[in-house]
């Protein structure tokens, strides 16, 4: 089931940025309108039942607090969230009185918006007696994990968590968290596995020297490479090479 959502903000870049840069449909929402002030949003709500309103506070004609009061009194089934650059006690107090679902500070962090939307969807699913389908989340997260894994397979020599986070537009801490949750393996462990498997492949080619292999998979110090390899395979690179070359010779 798709839930309807509108965004209200007098800054064009902000409302269009939120609309276009977040995977709404993959998280169960369809954006039905973008409005520059509370009056436009209220006119729309009076004619169109809407599940969620995300609104700025400081806007011309009708601000977000006034819109929030109308929603609380006239559209009690509509969930609303504040998007604001003001960490003001009075604003927060009004948000609590009007039963706002959340109060997100600008610039809005991707993971905070994602958490907010996930919580709202769960609340709406419960109200509508719908069992939350994991496929909505898993399809989105699955794409994130697949992109990161592809990045690691291509850039294992120089890969970093920070660079991987940039490729999927998440913070490093949040990417680290969901990567482990969804893939069952930490980012560093996955990178180490790719490096070790590549090292094992190269060790089977006698033309590569040990220090060259260390450099090719991202180790500046050959001793650190040998230590990591032995920890992973329980044999040294030299022992691994001898075992594999010996098995070929005995065929």
Foldseek 3Di string as FASTA:
>chain_A
DAFEEEEEAQDPCVRVCVVPVAPRVLLRYDYDYYYHALVVVVVCCVPDPHAEYEYEADGPPHGPLRSLQCCLPPPVNHAYEYEYQDPDPVVVVSCVVSVHQYYAHPVGARVVVVVSSNVSVVVVCVVVVHDDDCSSVCVVLVVLLVQLLVVLLVPLQDDDLCVSCVVVVHHSVVCQVSNCVNVVDGPVVSSLVSLLVVLLVVLLPVVDDQCNSCNVRHHPDSVVVQVSNCVVVVDGSVVSSCVNVVVVVVD
